[in-house]
Amino acid sequence: MEMKKYLYWKEDDMWLGYLEEYPDYMTQGQTMEELKENLRDIYAELTSGTIECVRRVAELEIS
C-alpha cells in the first residue's frame, strides 16, 4: 500500500485539503472520509497523464 501525505483543515462545515506533492490541487468534503476519497480521486487524475502541465513539489539537494 502506497501512502501519500496530505494537509487538511476544517472551514465552516467542510473539510478542505490537498496532497503535499500537489499543493495547487485542493479538494473538499463534508466529512473526513469524503475528503480522503476526493484526495484519492485527485491523485488518480493527476498521475494518469491526462492532465497537462501538472505542477508538483520536489526536493533539491543543494550541497
N, C-alpha and C. Protein backbone atom coordinates (compact mmCIF):
# COMPACT_ATOMS: atom_id res chain seq x y z
N MET A 1 0.84 -1.18 0.00
CA MET A 1 0.00 0.00 0.00
C MET A 1 0.89 1.24 0.00
N GLU A 2 0.65 2.11 -0.94
CA GLU A 2 1.40 3.36 -1.05
C GLU A 2 0.72 4.43 -0.20
N MET A 3 1.53 5.22 0.50
CA MET A 3 1.00 6.28 1.35
C MET A 3 1.43 7.64 0.78
N LYS A 4 0.54 8.62 0.85
CA LYS A 4 0.82 9.99 0.43
C LYS A 4 0.43 10.94 1.55
N LYS A 5 1.26 11.94 1.79
CA LYS A 5 0.93 12.93 2.81
C LYS A 5 -0.04 13.95 2.24
N TYR A 6 -0.94 14.44 3.11
CA TYR A 6 -1.86 15.49 2.71
C TYR A 6 -2.05 16.46 3.86
N LEU A 7 -2.40 17.68 3.53
CA LEU A 7 -2.70 18.70 4.53
C LEU A 7 -4.20 18.93 4.51
N TYR A 8 -4.78 19.15 5.67
CA TYR A 8 -6.23 19.33 5.74
C TYR A 8 -6.59 20.25 6.90
N TRP A 9 -7.78 20.82 6.80
CA TRP A 9 -8.31 21.68 7.84
C TRP A 9 -9.82 21.76 7.68
N LYS A 10 -10.46 22.19 8.74
CA LYS A 10 -11.91 22.36 8.70
C LYS A 10 -12.23 23.84 8.60
N GLU A 11 -13.10 24.16 7.66
CA GLU A 11 -13.53 25.54 7.46
C GLU A 11 -15.05 25.54 7.39
N ASP A 12 -15.65 26.19 8.33
CA ASP A 12 -17.11 26.17 8.46
C ASP A 12 -17.57 24.71 8.58
N ASP A 13 -18.39 24.23 7.67
CA ASP A 13 -18.91 22.86 7.75
C ASP A 13 -18.19 21.90 6.81
N MET A 14 -17.08 22.32 6.21
CA MET A 14 -16.40 21.49 5.21
C MET A 14 -14.96 21.19 5.63
N TRP A 15 -14.50 20.01 5.24
CA TRP A 15 -13.09 19.66 5.37
C TRP A 15 -12.42 19.98 4.04
N LEU A 16 -11.30 20.69 4.08
CA LEU A 16 -10.55 21.05 2.89
C LEU A 16 -9.16 20.44 2.98
N GLY A 17 -8.56 20.15 1.83
CA GLY A 17 -7.22 19.60 1.86
C GLY A 17 -6.61 19.47 0.49
N TYR A 18 -5.31 19.14 0.50
CA TYR A 18 -4.59 18.90 -0.74
C TYR A 18 -3.44 17.95 -0.45
N LEU A 19 -2.99 17.27 -1.48
CA LEU A 19 -1.85 16.37 -1.37
C LEU A 19 -0.58 17.20 -1.27
N GLU A 20 0.30 16.84 -0.36
CA GLU A 20 1.53 17.60 -0.16
C GLU A 20 2.33 17.74 -1.46
N GLU A 21 2.34 16.71 -2.26
CA GLU A 21 3.09 16.70 -3.52
C GLU A 21 2.46 17.59 -4.59
N TYR A 22 1.17 17.86 -4.47
CA TYR A 22 0.42 18.64 -5.46
C TYR A 22 -0.37 19.76 -4.76
N PRO A 23 0.29 20.78 -4.24
CA PRO A 23 -0.40 21.79 -3.44
C PRO A 23 -1.38 22.67 -4.22
N ASP A 24 -1.29 22.68 -5.54
CA ASP A 24 -2.17 23.52 -6.35
C ASP A 24 -3.55 22.91 -6.57
N TYR A 25 -3.75 21.67 -6.13
CA TYR A 25 -4.99 20.96 -6.43
C TYR A 25 -5.73 20.62 -5.14
N MET A 26 -6.57 21.53 -4.71
CA MET A 26 -7.31 21.38 -3.47
C MET A 26 -8.65 20.72 -3.72
N THR A 27 -9.16 20.06 -2.67
CA THR A 27 -10.50 19.48 -2.74
C THR A 27 -11.16 19.64 -1.39
N GLN A 28 -12.40 19.16 -1.30
CA GLN A 28 -13.15 19.31 -0.05
C GLN A 28 -14.09 18.13 0.14
N GLY A 29 -14.64 18.04 1.34
CA GLY A 29 -15.62 17.01 1.64
C GLY A 29 -16.43 17.42 2.85
N GLN A 30 -17.63 16.91 2.93
CA GLN A 30 -18.47 17.21 4.08
C GLN A 30 -18.03 16.43 5.32
N THR A 31 -17.34 15.31 5.09
CA THR A 31 -16.76 14.51 6.18
C THR A 31 -15.30 14.27 5.86
N MET A 32 -14.55 13.82 6.85
CA MET A 32 -13.14 13.50 6.63
C MET A 32 -13.01 12.34 5.64
N GLU A 33 -13.89 11.36 5.71
CA GLU A 33 -13.84 10.24 4.77
C GLU A 33 -14.10 10.69 3.34
N GLU A 34 -15.04 11.62 3.16
CA GLU A 34 -15.31 12.15 1.82
C GLU A 34 -14.10 12.93 1.30
N LEU A 35 -13.46 13.69 2.17
CA LEU A 35 -12.25 14.41 1.77
C LEU A 35 -11.17 13.43 1.32
N LYS A 36 -10.96 12.37 2.08
CA LYS A 36 -9.95 11.38 1.71
C LYS A 36 -10.26 10.73 0.37
N GLU A 37 -11.51 10.40 0.13
CA GLU A 37 -11.90 9.81 -1.14
C GLU A 37 -11.65 10.79 -2.29
N ASN A 38 -11.97 12.06 -2.08
CA ASN A 38 -11.72 13.08 -3.10
C ASN A 38 -10.23 13.26 -3.36
N LEU A 39 -9.42 13.16 -2.31
CA LEU A 39 -7.97 13.24 -2.48
C LEU A 39 -7.45 12.05 -3.29
N ARG A 40 -7.99 10.87 -3.05
CA ARG A 40 -7.61 9.69 -3.85
C ARG A 40 -7.98 9.90 -5.32
N ASP A 41 -9.16 10.46 -5.55
CA ASP A 41 -9.60 10.72 -6.93
C ASP A 41 -8.67 11.72 -7.63
N ILE A 42 -8.32 12.79 -6.92
CA ILE A 42 -7.42 13.79 -7.50
C ILE A 42 -6.06 13.16 -7.82
N TYR A 43 -5.55 12.34 -6.90
CA TYR A 43 -4.27 11.69 -7.14
C TYR A 43 -4.33 10.83 -8.40
N ALA A 44 -5.39 10.07 -8.55
CA ALA A 44 -5.54 9.22 -9.73
C ALA A 44 -5.56 10.06 -11.00
N GLU A 45 -6.26 11.17 -10.98
CA GLU A 45 -6.32 12.04 -12.16
C GLU A 45 -4.97 12.67 -12.46
N LEU A 46 -4.29 13.17 -11.42
CA LEU A 46 -3.02 13.85 -11.62
C LEU A 46 -1.92 12.92 -12.10
N THR A 47 -1.97 11.66 -11.73
CA THR A 47 -0.93 10.72 -12.12
C THR A 47 -1.29 9.91 -13.36
N SER A 48 -2.47 10.12 -13.90
CA SER A 48 -2.91 9.35 -15.07
C SER A 48 -2.28 9.83 -16.38
N GLY A 49 -1.75 11.04 -16.38
CA GLY A 49 -1.16 11.58 -17.60
C GLY A 49 -2.16 12.30 -18.50
N THR A 50 -3.41 12.36 -18.10
CA THR A 50 -4.42 13.02 -18.93
C THR A 50 -4.49 14.53 -18.69
N ILE A 51 -3.93 14.99 -17.59
CA ILE A 51 -3.92 16.42 -17.29
C ILE A 51 -2.54 16.97 -17.66
N GLU A 52 -2.52 17.98 -18.51
CA GLU A 52 -1.26 18.58 -18.94
C GLU A 52 -0.77 19.59 -17.92
N CYS A 53 0.54 19.78 -17.87
CA CYS A 53 1.18 20.82 -17.05
C CYS A 53 0.86 20.69 -15.56
N VAL A 54 0.91 19.50 -15.03
CA VAL A 54 0.67 19.30 -13.60
C VAL A 54 1.88 19.82 -12.84
N ARG A 55 1.65 20.71 -11.89
CA ARG A 55 2.73 21.26 -11.08
C ARG A 55 2.88 20.42 -9.82
N ARG A 56 4.14 20.16 -9.44
CA ARG A 56 4.43 19.31 -8.30
C ARG A 56 5.44 19.98 -7.38
N VAL A 57 5.60 19.43 -6.19
CA VAL A 57 6.63 19.85 -5.26
C VAL A 57 7.68 18.75 -5.21
N ALA A 58 8.95 19.12 -5.20
CA ALA A 58 10.04 18.15 -5.12
C ALA A 58 11.13 18.73 -4.22
N GLU A 59 12.10 17.91 -3.87
CA GLU A 59 13.24 18.36 -3.06
C GLU A 59 14.48 18.39 -3.92
N LEU A 60 15.33 19.35 -3.66
CA LEU A 60 16.58 19.53 -4.40
C LEU A 60 17.74 19.52 -3.41
N GLU A 61 18.72 18.67 -3.66
CA GLU A 61 19.91 18.65 -2.81
C GLU A 61 20.81 19.80 -3.24
N ILE A 62 21.25 20.62 -2.29
CA ILE A 62 21.99 21.83 -2.61
C ILE A 62 23.49 21.68 -2.37
N SER A 63 24.00 20.87 -1.54
CA SER A 63 25.46 20.80 -1.41
C SER A 63 25.93 19.43 -1.03
